[in-house]
N, C-alpha and C. Protein backbone atom coordinates (compact mmCIF):
# COMPACT_ATOMS: atom_id res chain seq x y z
N MET A 1 -11.89 -20.42 -3.12
CA MET A 1 -11.45 -20.42 -1.73
C MET A 1 -10.10 -21.11 -1.61
N MET A 2 -9.22 -20.53 -0.83
CA MET A 2 -7.88 -21.07 -0.63
C MET A 2 -7.87 -21.98 0.59
N THR A 3 -6.86 -22.84 0.64
CA THR A 3 -6.67 -23.69 1.81
C THR A 3 -5.21 -23.61 2.22
N GLY A 4 -4.94 -23.94 3.49
CA GLY A 4 -3.57 -23.96 3.97
C GLY A 4 -2.92 -22.60 4.09
N ILE A 5 -3.69 -21.57 4.40
CA ILE A 5 -3.16 -20.22 4.51
C ILE A 5 -2.96 -19.88 5.99
N ASP A 6 -1.75 -19.46 6.34
CA ASP A 6 -1.44 -19.08 7.72
C ASP A 6 -1.38 -17.57 7.93
N ALA A 7 -1.12 -16.80 6.87
CA ALA A 7 -1.01 -15.34 7.04
C ALA A 7 -1.36 -14.65 5.73
N VAL A 8 -1.90 -13.45 5.87
CA VAL A 8 -2.22 -12.59 4.73
C VAL A 8 -1.53 -11.25 4.97
N PHE A 9 -0.76 -10.80 4.00
CA PHE A 9 -0.09 -9.52 4.09
C PHE A 9 -0.68 -8.56 3.06
N PHE A 10 -0.80 -7.31 3.46
CA PHE A 10 -1.41 -6.29 2.62
C PHE A 10 -0.43 -5.16 2.35
N ASP A 11 -0.45 -4.67 1.12
CA ASP A 11 0.15 -3.37 0.85
C ASP A 11 -0.66 -2.35 1.64
N LEU A 12 -0.08 -1.19 1.91
CA LEU A 12 -0.77 -0.18 2.72
C LEU A 12 -1.56 0.80 1.85
N ASP A 13 -0.85 1.62 1.09
CA ASP A 13 -1.50 2.66 0.28
C ASP A 13 -2.25 2.04 -0.89
N GLY A 14 -3.56 2.22 -0.92
CA GLY A 14 -4.34 1.75 -2.05
C GLY A 14 -4.82 0.32 -1.93
N THR A 15 -4.45 -0.36 -0.87
CA THR A 15 -4.90 -1.74 -0.67
C THR A 15 -5.60 -1.88 0.66
N LEU A 16 -4.89 -1.58 1.73
CA LEU A 16 -5.48 -1.65 3.06
C LEU A 16 -6.19 -0.34 3.40
N ALA A 17 -5.54 0.76 3.14
CA ALA A 17 -6.09 2.07 3.50
C ALA A 17 -6.12 3.01 2.30
N ASP A 18 -7.12 3.86 2.29
CA ASP A 18 -7.25 4.88 1.24
C ASP A 18 -6.51 6.13 1.72
N THR A 19 -5.23 6.19 1.39
CA THR A 19 -4.36 7.28 1.84
C THR A 19 -4.28 8.42 0.83
N ALA A 20 -4.85 8.22 -0.36
CA ALA A 20 -4.70 9.22 -1.43
C ALA A 20 -5.22 10.61 -1.05
N PRO A 21 -6.33 10.74 -0.31
CA PRO A 21 -6.79 12.09 0.01
C PRO A 21 -5.75 12.93 0.76
N ASP A 22 -5.04 12.33 1.73
CA ASP A 22 -4.04 13.08 2.48
C ASP A 22 -2.78 13.33 1.64
N LEU A 23 -2.41 12.37 0.81
CA LEU A 23 -1.27 12.57 -0.08
C LEU A 23 -1.57 13.67 -1.10
N ALA A 24 -2.76 13.64 -1.66
CA ALA A 24 -3.14 14.67 -2.63
C ALA A 24 -3.22 16.04 -1.99
N ALA A 25 -3.70 16.09 -0.75
CA ALA A 25 -3.80 17.38 -0.05
C ALA A 25 -2.42 17.99 0.15
N ALA A 26 -1.44 17.16 0.52
CA ALA A 26 -0.07 17.66 0.70
C ALA A 26 0.50 18.17 -0.62
N ALA A 27 0.25 17.43 -1.70
CA ALA A 27 0.74 17.86 -3.02
C ALA A 27 0.08 19.16 -3.44
N ASN A 28 -1.22 19.27 -3.23
CA ASN A 28 -1.91 20.49 -3.66
C ASN A 28 -1.57 21.68 -2.78
N ARG A 29 -1.22 21.46 -1.53
CA ARG A 29 -0.74 22.58 -0.70
C ARG A 29 0.51 23.17 -1.32
N LEU A 30 1.37 22.31 -1.80
CA LEU A 30 2.60 22.74 -2.45
C LEU A 30 2.30 23.43 -3.78
N VAL A 31 1.36 22.88 -4.52
CA VAL A 31 0.97 23.48 -5.81
C VAL A 31 0.47 24.90 -5.62
N VAL A 32 -0.43 25.08 -4.66
CA VAL A 32 -1.00 26.41 -4.40
C VAL A 32 0.07 27.39 -3.95
N GLU A 33 1.00 26.92 -3.12
CA GLU A 33 2.09 27.78 -2.67
C GLU A 33 2.96 28.26 -3.83
N HIS A 34 2.95 27.51 -4.91
CA HIS A 34 3.71 27.89 -6.10
C HIS A 34 2.86 28.67 -7.10
N GLY A 35 1.70 29.15 -6.63
CA GLY A 35 0.87 30.03 -7.44
C GLY A 35 0.11 29.34 -8.55
N ARG A 36 -0.10 28.04 -8.40
CA ARG A 36 -0.83 27.29 -9.42
C ARG A 36 -2.19 26.86 -8.88
N PRO A 37 -3.13 26.59 -9.76
CA PRO A 37 -4.43 26.07 -9.29
C PRO A 37 -4.27 24.63 -8.83
N PRO A 38 -5.08 24.20 -7.86
CA PRO A 38 -4.98 22.81 -7.39
C PRO A 38 -5.19 21.82 -8.53
N VAL A 39 -4.51 20.69 -8.40
CA VAL A 39 -4.63 19.62 -9.39
C VAL A 39 -5.82 18.75 -9.03
N ALA A 40 -6.58 18.34 -10.02
CA ALA A 40 -7.76 17.51 -9.78
C ALA A 40 -7.37 16.22 -9.05
N TYR A 41 -8.17 15.87 -8.07
CA TYR A 41 -7.91 14.65 -7.30
C TYR A 41 -7.85 13.42 -8.20
N GLU A 42 -8.67 13.41 -9.24
CA GLU A 42 -8.73 12.27 -10.15
C GLU A 42 -7.40 12.05 -10.88
N LYS A 43 -6.62 13.11 -11.01
CA LYS A 43 -5.30 12.99 -11.63
C LYS A 43 -4.26 12.49 -10.64
N LEU A 44 -4.43 12.81 -9.37
CA LEU A 44 -3.44 12.45 -8.36
C LEU A 44 -3.67 11.05 -7.78
N ARG A 45 -4.91 10.64 -7.68
CA ARG A 45 -5.22 9.36 -7.04
C ARG A 45 -4.49 8.16 -7.65
N PRO A 46 -4.47 8.00 -8.99
CA PRO A 46 -3.84 6.80 -9.54
C PRO A 46 -2.36 6.64 -9.21
N VAL A 47 -1.67 7.75 -8.93
CA VAL A 47 -0.23 7.67 -8.68
C VAL A 47 0.11 7.73 -7.19
N ALA A 48 -0.91 7.67 -6.33
CA ALA A 48 -0.67 7.83 -4.90
C ALA A 48 0.23 6.75 -4.33
N SER A 49 0.18 5.53 -4.88
CA SER A 49 1.02 4.46 -4.36
C SER A 49 2.51 4.72 -4.60
N HIS A 50 2.83 5.66 -5.48
CA HIS A 50 4.22 5.94 -5.80
C HIS A 50 4.77 7.15 -5.04
N GLY A 51 4.04 7.59 -4.01
CA GLY A 51 4.56 8.60 -3.11
C GLY A 51 4.97 9.89 -3.78
N ALA A 52 6.08 10.48 -3.28
CA ALA A 52 6.52 11.78 -3.78
C ALA A 52 6.80 11.74 -5.28
N ARG A 53 7.41 10.67 -5.74
CA ARG A 53 7.72 10.57 -7.17
C ARG A 53 6.45 10.64 -8.01
N GLY A 54 5.43 9.90 -7.60
CA GLY A 54 4.19 9.90 -8.37
C GLY A 54 3.42 11.19 -8.24
N LEU A 55 3.29 11.70 -7.01
CA LEU A 55 2.49 12.91 -6.78
C LEU A 55 3.14 14.13 -7.40
N LEU A 56 4.44 14.28 -7.22
CA LEU A 56 5.11 15.46 -7.79
C LEU A 56 5.21 15.36 -9.31
N GLY A 57 5.30 14.15 -9.81
CA GLY A 57 5.27 13.99 -11.26
C GLY A 57 3.95 14.43 -11.85
N ALA A 58 2.86 14.05 -11.19
CA ALA A 58 1.53 14.42 -11.68
C ALA A 58 1.23 15.90 -11.45
N ALA A 59 1.68 16.45 -10.32
CA ALA A 59 1.33 17.82 -9.96
C ALA A 59 2.24 18.86 -10.61
N PHE A 60 3.52 18.52 -10.77
CA PHE A 60 4.49 19.51 -11.27
C PHE A 60 5.18 19.07 -12.56
N GLY A 61 5.01 17.83 -12.95
CA GLY A 61 5.77 17.33 -14.09
C GLY A 61 7.24 17.17 -13.77
N LYS A 62 7.56 17.01 -12.48
CA LYS A 62 8.95 16.89 -12.05
C LYS A 62 9.29 15.45 -11.72
N GLN A 63 10.43 14.98 -12.20
CA GLN A 63 10.91 13.65 -11.91
C GLN A 63 12.16 13.75 -11.02
N PRO A 64 12.56 12.65 -10.37
CA PRO A 64 13.68 12.70 -9.43
C PRO A 64 14.98 13.26 -10.00
N ASP A 65 15.17 13.21 -11.32
CA ASP A 65 16.40 13.75 -11.88
C ASP A 65 16.33 15.25 -12.16
N ASP A 66 15.18 15.87 -11.88
CA ASP A 66 15.02 17.30 -12.06
C ASP A 66 15.70 18.03 -10.89
N PRO A 67 16.45 19.11 -11.15
CA PRO A 67 17.14 19.79 -10.05
C PRO A 67 16.19 20.38 -9.00
N ASP A 68 14.94 20.65 -9.37
CA ASP A 68 13.98 21.19 -8.40
C ASP A 68 13.33 20.11 -7.56
N PHE A 69 13.50 18.86 -7.94
CA PHE A 69 12.76 17.78 -7.29
C PHE A 69 13.09 17.62 -5.80
N PRO A 70 14.36 17.61 -5.39
CA PRO A 70 14.64 17.37 -3.97
C PRO A 70 13.97 18.36 -3.03
N ALA A 71 13.99 19.64 -3.36
CA ALA A 71 13.38 20.64 -2.49
C ALA A 71 11.86 20.45 -2.43
N LEU A 72 11.26 20.20 -3.59
CA LEU A 72 9.81 19.95 -3.62
C LEU A 72 9.46 18.69 -2.83
N ARG A 73 10.25 17.66 -2.99
CA ARG A 73 10.01 16.40 -2.27
C ARG A 73 10.06 16.61 -0.77
N ASP A 74 11.07 17.32 -0.30
CA ASP A 74 11.22 17.50 1.14
C ASP A 74 10.04 18.27 1.73
N LEU A 75 9.60 19.31 1.03
CA LEU A 75 8.43 20.06 1.51
C LEU A 75 7.17 19.20 1.47
N PHE A 76 6.99 18.48 0.38
CA PHE A 76 5.83 17.60 0.25
C PHE A 76 5.79 16.60 1.41
N LEU A 77 6.91 15.98 1.71
CA LEU A 77 6.95 14.99 2.78
C LEU A 77 6.69 15.61 4.15
N ASP A 78 7.20 16.81 4.37
CA ASP A 78 6.93 17.51 5.63
C ASP A 78 5.44 17.80 5.77
N TYR A 79 4.82 18.27 4.69
CA TYR A 79 3.38 18.57 4.73
C TYR A 79 2.57 17.30 4.96
N TYR A 80 2.97 16.24 4.29
CA TYR A 80 2.24 14.98 4.46
C TYR A 80 2.39 14.44 5.88
N GLU A 81 3.59 14.49 6.41
CA GLU A 81 3.82 13.99 7.77
C GLU A 81 2.99 14.76 8.79
N ALA A 82 2.83 16.05 8.57
CA ALA A 82 2.09 16.89 9.52
C ALA A 82 0.60 16.55 9.55
N ASP A 83 0.05 16.08 8.42
CA ASP A 83 -1.38 15.76 8.33
C ASP A 83 -1.55 14.39 7.71
N ILE A 84 -0.98 13.39 8.35
CA ILE A 84 -0.85 12.08 7.73
C ILE A 84 -2.13 11.24 7.79
N ALA A 85 -3.01 11.57 8.70
CA ALA A 85 -4.22 10.74 8.85
C ALA A 85 -5.45 11.59 9.07
N VAL A 86 -5.56 12.67 8.33
CA VAL A 86 -6.74 13.54 8.44
C VAL A 86 -7.94 12.90 7.74
N HIS A 87 -7.72 12.45 6.52
CA HIS A 87 -8.80 11.85 5.73
C HIS A 87 -8.57 10.36 5.45
N THR A 88 -7.42 9.82 5.81
CA THR A 88 -7.11 8.42 5.54
C THR A 88 -8.00 7.49 6.35
N ARG A 89 -8.55 6.50 5.66
CA ARG A 89 -9.41 5.50 6.30
C ARG A 89 -9.14 4.14 5.68
N LEU A 90 -9.48 3.08 6.40
CA LEU A 90 -9.48 1.76 5.78
C LEU A 90 -10.51 1.77 4.66
N PHE A 91 -10.23 1.04 3.60
CA PHE A 91 -11.20 0.93 2.53
C PHE A 91 -12.48 0.27 3.06
N ASP A 92 -13.58 0.66 2.49
CA ASP A 92 -14.87 0.10 2.88
C ASP A 92 -14.82 -1.42 2.77
N GLY A 93 -15.17 -2.08 3.84
CA GLY A 93 -15.15 -3.54 3.87
C GLY A 93 -13.88 -4.15 4.42
N MET A 94 -12.81 -3.36 4.52
CA MET A 94 -11.54 -3.92 4.99
C MET A 94 -11.56 -4.26 6.47
N SER A 95 -12.29 -3.50 7.27
CA SER A 95 -12.39 -3.84 8.70
C SER A 95 -12.97 -5.24 8.88
N GLN A 96 -13.99 -5.56 8.08
CA GLN A 96 -14.60 -6.88 8.16
C GLN A 96 -13.63 -7.98 7.72
N VAL A 97 -12.79 -7.66 6.72
CA VAL A 97 -11.78 -8.63 6.28
C VAL A 97 -10.81 -8.95 7.42
N LEU A 98 -10.30 -7.91 8.07
CA LEU A 98 -9.34 -8.11 9.15
C LEU A 98 -9.98 -8.85 10.32
N GLU A 99 -11.21 -8.49 10.65
CA GLU A 99 -11.91 -9.16 11.75
C GLU A 99 -12.15 -10.63 11.44
N SER A 100 -12.46 -10.93 10.19
CA SER A 100 -12.69 -12.32 9.79
C SER A 100 -11.40 -13.13 9.88
N LEU A 101 -10.29 -12.54 9.46
CA LEU A 101 -9.01 -13.23 9.58
C LEU A 101 -8.69 -13.51 11.04
N GLU A 102 -8.86 -12.51 11.87
CA GLU A 102 -8.55 -12.67 13.29
C GLU A 102 -9.44 -13.72 13.93
N ALA A 103 -10.71 -13.77 13.53
CA ALA A 103 -11.66 -14.72 14.11
C ALA A 103 -11.30 -16.16 13.77
N THR A 104 -10.63 -16.36 12.65
CA THR A 104 -10.27 -17.72 12.23
C THR A 104 -8.81 -18.05 12.52
N GLY A 105 -8.11 -17.14 13.19
CA GLY A 105 -6.74 -17.41 13.59
C GLY A 105 -5.71 -17.24 12.50
N ILE A 106 -6.08 -16.59 11.39
CA ILE A 106 -5.12 -16.32 10.32
C ILE A 106 -4.43 -14.99 10.62
N ARG A 107 -3.13 -14.98 10.67
CA ARG A 107 -2.39 -13.75 10.96
C ARG A 107 -2.43 -12.82 9.76
N TRP A 108 -2.30 -11.54 10.03
CA TRP A 108 -2.24 -10.58 8.93
C TRP A 108 -1.21 -9.50 9.28
N GLY A 109 -0.65 -8.90 8.23
CA GLY A 109 0.34 -7.86 8.43
C GLY A 109 0.38 -6.90 7.26
N ILE A 110 1.29 -5.96 7.33
CA ILE A 110 1.42 -4.89 6.34
C ILE A 110 2.83 -4.90 5.78
N VAL A 111 2.94 -4.85 4.46
CA VAL A 111 4.23 -4.72 3.79
C VAL A 111 4.10 -3.60 2.76
N THR A 112 4.80 -2.52 3.00
CA THR A 112 4.65 -1.32 2.17
C THR A 112 6.01 -0.77 1.76
N ASN A 113 6.04 -0.03 0.68
CA ASN A 113 7.27 0.69 0.30
C ASN A 113 7.34 2.06 0.96
N LYS A 114 6.32 2.44 1.68
CA LYS A 114 6.35 3.68 2.47
C LYS A 114 7.42 3.53 3.55
N ILE A 115 8.27 4.52 3.73
CA ILE A 115 9.33 4.38 4.72
C ILE A 115 8.76 4.49 6.13
N ALA A 116 9.51 3.99 7.09
CA ALA A 116 9.02 3.89 8.47
C ALA A 116 8.65 5.24 9.06
N ARG A 117 9.29 6.31 8.61
CA ARG A 117 8.96 7.66 9.09
C ARG A 117 7.47 7.94 8.96
N PHE A 118 6.85 7.38 7.94
CA PHE A 118 5.42 7.61 7.70
C PHE A 118 4.58 6.39 8.05
N THR A 119 5.11 5.20 7.81
CA THR A 119 4.35 3.99 8.09
C THR A 119 3.98 3.87 9.56
N VAL A 120 4.95 4.05 10.44
CA VAL A 120 4.73 3.83 11.87
C VAL A 120 3.64 4.75 12.42
N PRO A 121 3.72 6.06 12.22
CA PRO A 121 2.65 6.91 12.75
C PRO A 121 1.30 6.69 12.07
N LEU A 122 1.32 6.38 10.78
CA LEU A 122 0.05 6.19 10.09
C LEU A 122 -0.65 4.93 10.58
N VAL A 123 0.07 3.82 10.67
CA VAL A 123 -0.54 2.58 11.14
C VAL A 123 -1.06 2.74 12.56
N ALA A 124 -0.33 3.49 13.38
CA ALA A 124 -0.80 3.75 14.74
C ALA A 124 -2.06 4.61 14.73
N ALA A 125 -2.09 5.61 13.87
CA ALA A 125 -3.22 6.55 13.83
C ALA A 125 -4.51 5.86 13.42
N ILE A 126 -4.41 4.84 12.56
CA ILE A 126 -5.64 4.15 12.15
C ILE A 126 -5.89 2.90 13.00
N GLY A 127 -5.14 2.77 14.10
CA GLY A 127 -5.44 1.78 15.12
C GLY A 127 -5.05 0.35 14.81
N LEU A 128 -4.08 0.13 13.94
CA LEU A 128 -3.76 -1.23 13.53
C LEU A 128 -2.49 -1.79 14.14
N THR A 129 -1.68 -0.97 14.78
CA THR A 129 -0.37 -1.42 15.27
C THR A 129 -0.45 -2.66 16.16
N PRO A 130 -1.33 -2.69 17.17
CA PRO A 130 -1.33 -3.86 18.06
C PRO A 130 -1.93 -5.11 17.43
N ARG A 131 -2.57 -4.98 16.29
CA ARG A 131 -3.26 -6.12 15.68
C ARG A 131 -2.42 -6.82 14.62
N ALA A 132 -1.50 -6.11 14.01
CA ALA A 132 -0.72 -6.67 12.90
C ALA A 132 0.39 -7.58 13.41
N SER A 133 0.57 -8.72 12.74
CA SER A 133 1.65 -9.63 13.13
C SER A 133 3.00 -9.15 12.62
N ALA A 134 2.97 -8.23 11.64
CA ALA A 134 4.21 -7.66 11.09
C ALA A 134 3.86 -6.36 10.39
N VAL A 135 4.71 -5.36 10.54
CA VAL A 135 4.60 -4.12 9.78
C VAL A 135 5.99 -3.86 9.19
N VAL A 136 6.10 -4.03 7.89
CA VAL A 136 7.39 -3.90 7.21
C VAL A 136 7.32 -2.70 6.28
N SER A 137 8.23 -1.76 6.48
CA SER A 137 8.26 -0.53 5.69
C SER A 137 9.26 -0.66 4.54
N GLY A 138 9.29 0.36 3.70
CA GLY A 138 10.17 0.34 2.54
C GLY A 138 11.63 0.37 2.88
N ASP A 139 11.97 0.82 4.09
CA ASP A 139 13.37 0.87 4.52
C ASP A 139 13.67 -0.11 5.66
N THR A 140 12.78 -1.07 5.88
CA THR A 140 13.01 -2.08 6.92
C THR A 140 14.09 -3.06 6.50
N THR A 141 14.06 -3.46 5.23
CA THR A 141 15.07 -4.38 4.69
C THR A 141 15.92 -3.63 3.68
N PRO A 142 17.04 -4.20 3.24
CA PRO A 142 17.88 -3.50 2.27
C PRO A 142 17.21 -3.27 0.92
N HIS A 143 16.13 -4.00 0.65
CA HIS A 143 15.46 -3.88 -0.64
C HIS A 143 13.98 -3.57 -0.44
N ALA A 144 13.41 -2.82 -1.37
CA ALA A 144 11.97 -2.56 -1.38
C ALA A 144 11.32 -3.40 -2.47
N LYS A 145 10.00 -3.50 -2.43
CA LYS A 145 9.29 -4.19 -3.52
C LYS A 145 9.60 -3.48 -4.85
N PRO A 146 9.77 -4.25 -5.92
CA PRO A 146 9.32 -5.63 -6.16
C PRO A 146 10.25 -6.73 -5.68
N HIS A 147 11.32 -6.39 -4.98
CA HIS A 147 12.17 -7.43 -4.40
C HIS A 147 11.37 -8.19 -3.34
N PRO A 148 11.56 -9.49 -3.22
CA PRO A 148 10.79 -10.26 -2.24
C PRO A 148 11.22 -10.09 -0.79
N ALA A 149 12.36 -9.45 -0.54
CA ALA A 149 12.90 -9.37 0.82
C ALA A 149 11.91 -8.85 1.85
N PRO A 150 11.16 -7.77 1.58
CA PRO A 150 10.22 -7.29 2.60
C PRO A 150 9.14 -8.32 2.95
N LEU A 151 8.66 -9.04 1.94
CA LEU A 151 7.63 -10.04 2.19
C LEU A 151 8.18 -11.24 2.96
N LEU A 152 9.38 -11.64 2.61
CA LEU A 152 10.00 -12.75 3.34
C LEU A 152 10.27 -12.36 4.79
N HIS A 153 10.62 -11.11 5.01
CA HIS A 153 10.84 -10.62 6.37
C HIS A 153 9.52 -10.62 7.16
N ALA A 154 8.44 -10.23 6.52
CA ALA A 154 7.13 -10.24 7.18
C ALA A 154 6.73 -11.66 7.58
N ALA A 155 6.99 -12.61 6.70
CA ALA A 155 6.68 -14.00 7.02
C ALA A 155 7.50 -14.48 8.21
N GLU A 156 8.78 -14.09 8.23
CA GLU A 156 9.65 -14.48 9.34
C GLU A 156 9.17 -13.87 10.66
N LEU A 157 8.82 -12.58 10.62
CA LEU A 157 8.31 -11.92 11.83
C LEU A 157 7.02 -12.57 12.33
N SER A 158 6.23 -13.05 11.39
CA SER A 158 4.94 -13.65 11.74
C SER A 158 5.05 -15.12 12.09
N GLY A 159 6.22 -15.71 11.89
CA GLY A 159 6.44 -17.11 12.22
C GLY A 159 5.72 -18.06 11.29
N VAL A 160 5.64 -17.69 10.01
CA VAL A 160 4.93 -18.53 9.04
C VAL A 160 5.81 -18.77 7.82
N ALA A 161 5.53 -19.86 7.10
CA ALA A 161 6.28 -20.17 5.88
C ALA A 161 5.74 -19.33 4.74
N PRO A 162 6.61 -18.75 3.91
CA PRO A 162 6.14 -17.90 2.80
C PRO A 162 5.13 -18.59 1.90
N GLN A 163 5.31 -19.88 1.64
CA GLN A 163 4.41 -20.58 0.73
C GLN A 163 3.02 -20.78 1.32
N ARG A 164 2.84 -20.44 2.58
CA ARG A 164 1.52 -20.51 3.22
C ARG A 164 0.96 -19.10 3.49
N CYS A 165 1.47 -18.15 2.69
CA CYS A 165 1.05 -16.75 2.85
C CYS A 165 0.40 -16.23 1.57
N VAL A 166 -0.37 -15.18 1.74
CA VAL A 166 -1.01 -14.47 0.63
C VAL A 166 -0.54 -13.02 0.69
N TYR A 167 -0.30 -12.44 -0.48
CA TYR A 167 -0.01 -11.00 -0.52
C TYR A 167 -1.02 -10.31 -1.41
N VAL A 168 -1.58 -9.22 -0.89
CA VAL A 168 -2.61 -8.45 -1.60
C VAL A 168 -2.05 -7.06 -1.88
N GLY A 169 -2.10 -6.62 -3.14
CA GLY A 169 -1.57 -5.30 -3.48
C GLY A 169 -2.24 -4.71 -4.70
N ASP A 170 -2.08 -3.39 -4.82
CA ASP A 170 -2.75 -2.66 -5.91
C ASP A 170 -1.76 -2.14 -6.95
N ASP A 171 -0.56 -2.71 -6.98
CA ASP A 171 0.45 -2.25 -7.92
C ASP A 171 1.16 -3.47 -8.50
N LEU A 172 1.62 -3.35 -9.74
CA LEU A 172 2.32 -4.46 -10.38
C LEU A 172 3.49 -4.95 -9.55
N ARG A 173 4.23 -4.03 -8.92
CA ARG A 173 5.39 -4.45 -8.14
C ARG A 173 4.97 -5.30 -6.94
N ASP A 174 3.73 -5.13 -6.44
CA ASP A 174 3.24 -5.97 -5.35
C ASP A 174 3.10 -7.42 -5.82
N ILE A 175 2.54 -7.58 -6.99
CA ILE A 175 2.35 -8.93 -7.51
C ILE A 175 3.71 -9.55 -7.84
N GLN A 176 4.61 -8.76 -8.40
CA GLN A 176 5.96 -9.28 -8.69
C GLN A 176 6.66 -9.72 -7.41
N ALA A 177 6.56 -8.91 -6.35
CA ALA A 177 7.19 -9.26 -5.08
C ALA A 177 6.57 -10.50 -4.47
N GLY A 178 5.25 -10.58 -4.51
CA GLY A 178 4.57 -11.74 -3.95
C GLY A 178 4.95 -13.03 -4.65
N LYS A 179 4.99 -12.98 -5.97
CA LYS A 179 5.38 -14.17 -6.74
C LYS A 179 6.83 -14.56 -6.44
N ALA A 180 7.71 -13.56 -6.37
CA ALA A 180 9.12 -13.85 -6.09
C ALA A 180 9.31 -14.45 -4.70
N ALA A 181 8.41 -14.12 -3.78
CA ALA A 181 8.49 -14.65 -2.42
C ALA A 181 7.81 -16.01 -2.30
N GLY A 182 7.19 -16.48 -3.37
CA GLY A 182 6.52 -17.77 -3.34
C GLY A 182 5.15 -17.73 -2.69
N MET A 183 4.54 -16.55 -2.61
CA MET A 183 3.24 -16.39 -1.99
C MET A 183 2.12 -16.39 -3.04
N VAL A 184 0.92 -16.71 -2.59
CA VAL A 184 -0.26 -16.51 -3.42
C VAL A 184 -0.48 -15.01 -3.55
N THR A 185 -0.83 -14.55 -4.74
CA THR A 185 -0.97 -13.11 -4.96
C THR A 185 -2.40 -12.75 -5.35
N ILE A 186 -2.84 -11.60 -4.83
CA ILE A 186 -4.17 -11.08 -5.13
C ILE A 186 -4.04 -9.62 -5.53
N THR A 187 -4.55 -9.27 -6.69
CA THR A 187 -4.58 -7.87 -7.12
C THR A 187 -5.80 -7.18 -6.53
N ALA A 188 -5.56 -6.05 -5.88
CA ALA A 188 -6.64 -5.21 -5.35
C ALA A 188 -7.01 -4.19 -6.42
N ALA A 189 -7.90 -4.57 -7.31
CA ALA A 189 -8.25 -3.70 -8.44
C ALA A 189 -9.08 -2.50 -8.03
N TYR A 190 -9.52 -2.46 -6.77
CA TYR A 190 -10.23 -1.28 -6.25
C TYR A 190 -9.26 -0.18 -5.84
N GLY A 191 -7.96 -0.48 -5.85
CA GLY A 191 -6.96 0.48 -5.38
C GLY A 191 -6.53 1.45 -6.46
N TYR A 192 -5.31 1.96 -6.33
CA TYR A 192 -4.85 3.05 -7.19
C TYR A 192 -4.36 2.52 -8.55
N CYS A 193 -3.63 1.42 -8.54
CA CYS A 193 -3.29 0.65 -9.75
C CYS A 193 -2.44 1.37 -10.79
N GLY A 194 -2.01 2.59 -10.52
CA GLY A 194 -1.09 3.28 -11.41
C GLY A 194 -1.69 3.61 -12.76
N GLU A 195 -0.82 3.96 -13.69
CA GLU A 195 -1.28 4.35 -15.02
C GLU A 195 -0.62 3.50 -16.11
N GLY A 196 -0.08 2.36 -15.72
CA GLY A 196 0.59 1.48 -16.67
C GLY A 196 -0.35 0.41 -17.18
N GLU A 197 0.15 -0.82 -17.24
CA GLU A 197 -0.66 -1.92 -17.73
C GLU A 197 -1.85 -2.17 -16.80
N PRO A 198 -3.01 -2.52 -17.34
CA PRO A 198 -4.19 -2.75 -16.49
C PRO A 198 -3.97 -3.92 -15.55
N PRO A 199 -4.58 -3.89 -14.37
CA PRO A 199 -4.33 -4.92 -13.36
C PRO A 199 -4.67 -6.32 -13.80
N GLU A 200 -5.57 -6.46 -14.75
CA GLU A 200 -5.92 -7.80 -15.24
C GLU A 200 -4.75 -8.49 -15.92
N THR A 201 -3.73 -7.71 -16.31
CA THR A 201 -2.59 -8.28 -17.03
C THR A 201 -1.39 -8.57 -16.13
N TRP A 202 -1.49 -8.34 -14.84
CA TRP A 202 -0.33 -8.46 -13.96
C TRP A 202 0.05 -9.90 -13.64
N GLY A 203 -0.85 -10.83 -13.88
CA GLY A 203 -0.53 -12.23 -13.63
C GLY A 203 -0.74 -12.69 -12.21
N ALA A 204 -1.55 -11.98 -11.43
CA ALA A 204 -1.84 -12.41 -10.06
C ALA A 204 -2.68 -13.69 -10.08
N ASP A 205 -2.65 -14.41 -8.97
CA ASP A 205 -3.46 -15.62 -8.87
C ASP A 205 -4.95 -15.30 -8.80
N TYR A 206 -5.28 -14.17 -8.18
CA TYR A 206 -6.67 -13.75 -8.05
C TYR A 206 -6.74 -12.24 -8.23
N LEU A 207 -7.92 -11.75 -8.53
CA LEU A 207 -8.17 -10.31 -8.64
C LEU A 207 -9.50 -10.02 -7.97
N VAL A 208 -9.53 -9.00 -7.13
CA VAL A 208 -10.78 -8.59 -6.48
C VAL A 208 -11.05 -7.13 -6.77
N ARG A 209 -12.31 -6.78 -6.87
CA ARG A 209 -12.70 -5.40 -7.17
C ARG A 209 -13.31 -4.70 -5.97
N HIS A 210 -13.38 -5.40 -4.84
CA HIS A 210 -13.86 -4.81 -3.59
C HIS A 210 -13.28 -5.64 -2.45
N PRO A 211 -12.89 -5.00 -1.33
CA PRO A 211 -12.33 -5.78 -0.23
C PRO A 211 -13.23 -6.93 0.24
N ALA A 212 -14.55 -6.76 0.17
CA ALA A 212 -15.45 -7.81 0.63
C ALA A 212 -15.25 -9.11 -0.12
N GLU A 213 -14.73 -9.04 -1.35
CA GLU A 213 -14.50 -10.25 -2.13
C GLU A 213 -13.36 -11.09 -1.57
N LEU A 214 -12.56 -10.50 -0.69
CA LEU A 214 -11.46 -11.25 -0.08
C LEU A 214 -11.97 -12.29 0.92
N ILE A 215 -13.08 -12.02 1.58
CA ILE A 215 -13.55 -12.89 2.65
C ILE A 215 -13.82 -14.30 2.15
N PRO A 216 -14.64 -14.51 1.12
CA PRO A 216 -14.84 -15.90 0.67
C PRO A 216 -13.60 -16.54 0.09
N LEU A 217 -12.65 -15.74 -0.40
CA LEU A 217 -11.40 -16.30 -0.91
C LEU A 217 -10.51 -16.82 0.22
N LEU A 218 -10.44 -16.05 1.29
CA LEU A 218 -9.45 -16.32 2.33
C LEU A 218 -9.93 -17.18 3.47
N MET A 219 -11.23 -17.24 3.68
CA MET A 219 -11.75 -17.96 4.84
C MET A 219 -11.71 -19.46 4.62
N PRO A 220 -11.26 -20.21 5.63
CA PRO A 220 -11.26 -21.68 5.51
C PRO A 220 -12.69 -22.22 5.45
N ALA A 221 -12.83 -23.39 4.87
CA ALA A 221 -14.16 -24.00 4.75
C ALA A 221 -14.72 -24.33 6.12
């Protein structure tokens, strides 16, 4: 159990909300339009936190330096924007985490690399906009994670000192950003976690395998 915590910030995709089903659906719509069979969800889910780069890499084998990538990316993003919250839900147990924080007066917010074009409507669609003390997108500050700037901005918006904050994320860059910002870090091992080094090796202060495990960690005595 932690003490002296004033705010908890969450990554969005793969930590706070399970957005992979809608991201995968947009990617597979594009795949089918190109005359290919849909890609298995199990292949797309791990890279969902990396947006167009991750999804198009898994679905088409295309990277940002490929000449076909920009056109595919633009279509993918249009499809995703059109159906941004069809299947997206908070992870099981996350509603209780947020309610527990609110009940004890601990502020919470969202810090994501998703750009505001998608963050703002998605957070509104899942009903979190009026509750969050800060919503920081990938283009809110000049730098995205793993740079600490977005997290420091969230702390400033929330009126709290960074060293009294916690950051929870499902990607190595989340833990790197949290540490650089001087925050306590928690790996959300139930999230997407990418295909690189296993989350146990990221060096976070804590690791949880289900959102419910956050409650005894974060709640004051």
